[in-house]
Amino acid sequence: MPKGIRRDEVERLLSEGAQLVEVLPREEYEEEHLPGALNIPLPRLDKEARERLDPNRPVIVYCWDSA
């Protein structure tokens, strides 16, 4: 079940091996993204997550919207 987490929790989870996924459109991801983040655009998340992510590791999904 998705839940919001604070920055310190993100840092802790990443240090323990969590996977960071940015769901921005590819163009926005290429402009700027968090270090180490994978890009899986939101419309393709269900399909690509199964192909690209390790199901045995936690996943942090991130999206930043300037609007």
C-alpha atoms as a PDB file:
ATOM      1  CA  MET A   1       0.000   0.000   0.000  1.00  0.00           C
ATOM      2  CA  PRO A   2       1.549   3.375  -0.985  1.00  0.00           C
ATOM      3  CA  LYS A   3       2.272   5.910   1.733  1.00  0.00           C
ATOM      4  CA  GLY A   4       4.066   9.225   1.963  1.00  0.00           C
ATOM      5  CA  ILE A   5       7.493   9.276   3.617  1.00  0.00           C
ATOM      6  CA  ARG A   6       9.868  11.998   4.733  1.00  0.00           C
ATOM      7  CA  ARG A   7      13.276  12.717   3.264  1.00  0.00           C
ATOM      8  CA  ASP A   8      15.164  11.094   6.153  1.00  0.00           C
ATOM      9  CA  GLU A   9      13.172   7.890   5.636  1.00  0.00           C
ATOM     10  CA  VAL A  10      13.960   7.974   1.901  1.00  0.00           C
ATOM     11  CA  GLU A  11      17.664   8.302   2.672  1.00  0.00           C
ATOM     12  CA  ARG A  12      17.520   5.438   5.165  1.00  0.00           C
ATOM     13  CA  LEU A  13      15.651   3.141   2.768  1.00  0.00           C
ATOM     14  CA  LEU A  14      18.046   3.922  -0.083  1.00  0.00           C
ATOM     15  CA  SER A  15      21.040   3.180   2.144  1.00  0.00           C
ATOM     16  CA  GLU A  16      19.438  -0.198   2.870  1.00  0.00           C
ATOM     17  CA  GLY A  17      19.024  -1.041  -0.838  1.00  0.00           C
ATOM     18  CA  ALA A  18      15.617   0.344  -1.812  1.00  0.00           C
ATOM     19  CA  GLN A  19      14.978   1.145  -5.472  1.00  0.00           C
ATOM     20  CA  LEU A  20      14.173   4.744  -6.429  1.00  0.00           C
ATOM     21  CA  VAL A  21      11.821   5.258  -9.381  1.00  0.00           C
ATOM     22  CA  GLU A  22      10.892   8.604 -10.910  1.00  0.00           C
ATOM     23  CA  VAL A  23       7.618   8.429 -12.821  1.00  0.00           C
ATOM     24  CA  LEU A  24       8.185  11.635 -14.783  1.00  0.00           C
ATOM     25  CA  PRO A  25       7.910  11.690 -18.577  1.00  0.00           C
ATOM     26  CA  ARG A  26      11.272  10.741 -20.117  1.00  0.00           C
ATOM     27  CA  GLU A  27      11.976  14.307 -21.329  1.00  0.00           C
ATOM     28  CA  GLU A  28      11.596  15.726 -17.815  1.00  0.00           C
ATOM     29  CA  TYR A  29      13.677  12.918 -16.319  1.00  0.00           C
ATOM     30  CA  GLU A  30      16.472  13.612 -18.801  1.00  0.00           C
ATOM     31  CA  GLU A  31      16.470  17.311 -17.862  1.00  0.00           C
ATOM     32  CA  GLU A  32      16.943  16.605 -14.169  1.00  0.00           C
ATOM     33  CA  HIS A  33      16.467  13.627 -11.881  1.00  0.00           C
ATOM     34  CA  LEU A  34      17.517  12.346  -8.497  1.00  0.00           C
ATOM     35  CA  PRO A  35      20.879  10.553  -8.453  1.00  0.00           C
ATOM     36  CA  GLY A  36      20.482   6.826  -8.947  1.00  0.00           C
ATOM     37  CA  ALA A  37      16.799   7.016  -9.871  1.00  0.00           C
ATOM     38  CA  LEU A  38      15.345   4.813 -12.571  1.00  0.00           C
ATOM     39  CA  ASN A  39      12.876   6.363 -14.978  1.00  0.00           C
ATOM     40  CA  ILE A  40       9.621   4.530 -15.513  1.00  0.00           C
ATOM     41  CA  PRO A  41       6.990   6.995 -16.771  1.00  0.00           C
ATOM     42  CA  LEU A  42       3.716   6.694 -14.872  1.00  0.00           C
ATOM     43  CA  PRO A  43       1.641   5.345 -17.803  1.00  0.00           C
ATOM     44  CA  ARG A  44       4.141   2.452 -18.146  1.00  0.00           C
ATOM     45  CA  LEU A  45       4.705   1.802 -14.443  1.00  0.00           C
ATOM     46  CA  ASP A  46       2.626  -1.379 -14.130  1.00  0.00           C
ATOM     47  CA  LYS A  47       4.249  -3.114 -17.096  1.00  0.00           C
ATOM     48  CA  GLU A  48       7.844  -1.929 -16.717  1.00  0.00           C
ATOM     49  CA  ALA A  49       8.005  -2.345 -12.938  1.00  0.00           C
ATOM     50  CA  ARG A  50       7.605  -6.093 -13.360  1.00  0.00           C
ATOM     51  CA  GLU A  51      10.410  -6.141 -15.926  1.00  0.00           C
ATOM     52  CA  ARG A  52      12.890  -3.745 -14.326  1.00  0.00           C
ATOM     53  CA  LEU A  53      12.494  -3.863 -10.549  1.00  0.00           C
ATOM     54  CA  ASP A  54      13.581  -6.455  -8.014  1.00  0.00           C
ATOM     55  CA  PRO A  55      10.412  -7.642  -6.235  1.00  0.00           C
ATOM     56  CA  ASN A  56      12.456  -8.502  -3.133  1.00  0.00           C
ATOM     57  CA  ARG A  57      13.579  -4.890  -2.522  1.00  0.00           C
ATOM     58  CA  PRO A  58      11.465  -1.927  -1.378  1.00  0.00           C
ATOM     59  CA  VAL A  59      10.506   0.613  -4.030  1.00  0.00           C
ATOM     60  CA  ILE A  60      10.277   4.369  -3.574  1.00  0.00           C
ATOM     61  CA  VAL A  61       8.243   6.098  -6.279  1.00  0.00           C
ATOM     62  CA  TYR A  62       8.838   9.814  -6.780  1.00  0.00           C
ATOM     63  CA  CYS A  63       7.203  12.444  -8.940  1.00  0.00           C
ATOM     64  CA  TRP A  64       7.791  16.183  -8.785  1.00  0.00           C
ATOM     65  CA  ASP A  65       5.326  18.532 -10.406  1.00  0.00           C
ATOM     66  CA  SER A  66       6.145  22.217 -10.656  1.00  0.00           C
ATOM     67  CA  ALA A  67       2.541  23.152 -11.405  1.00  0.00           C
END
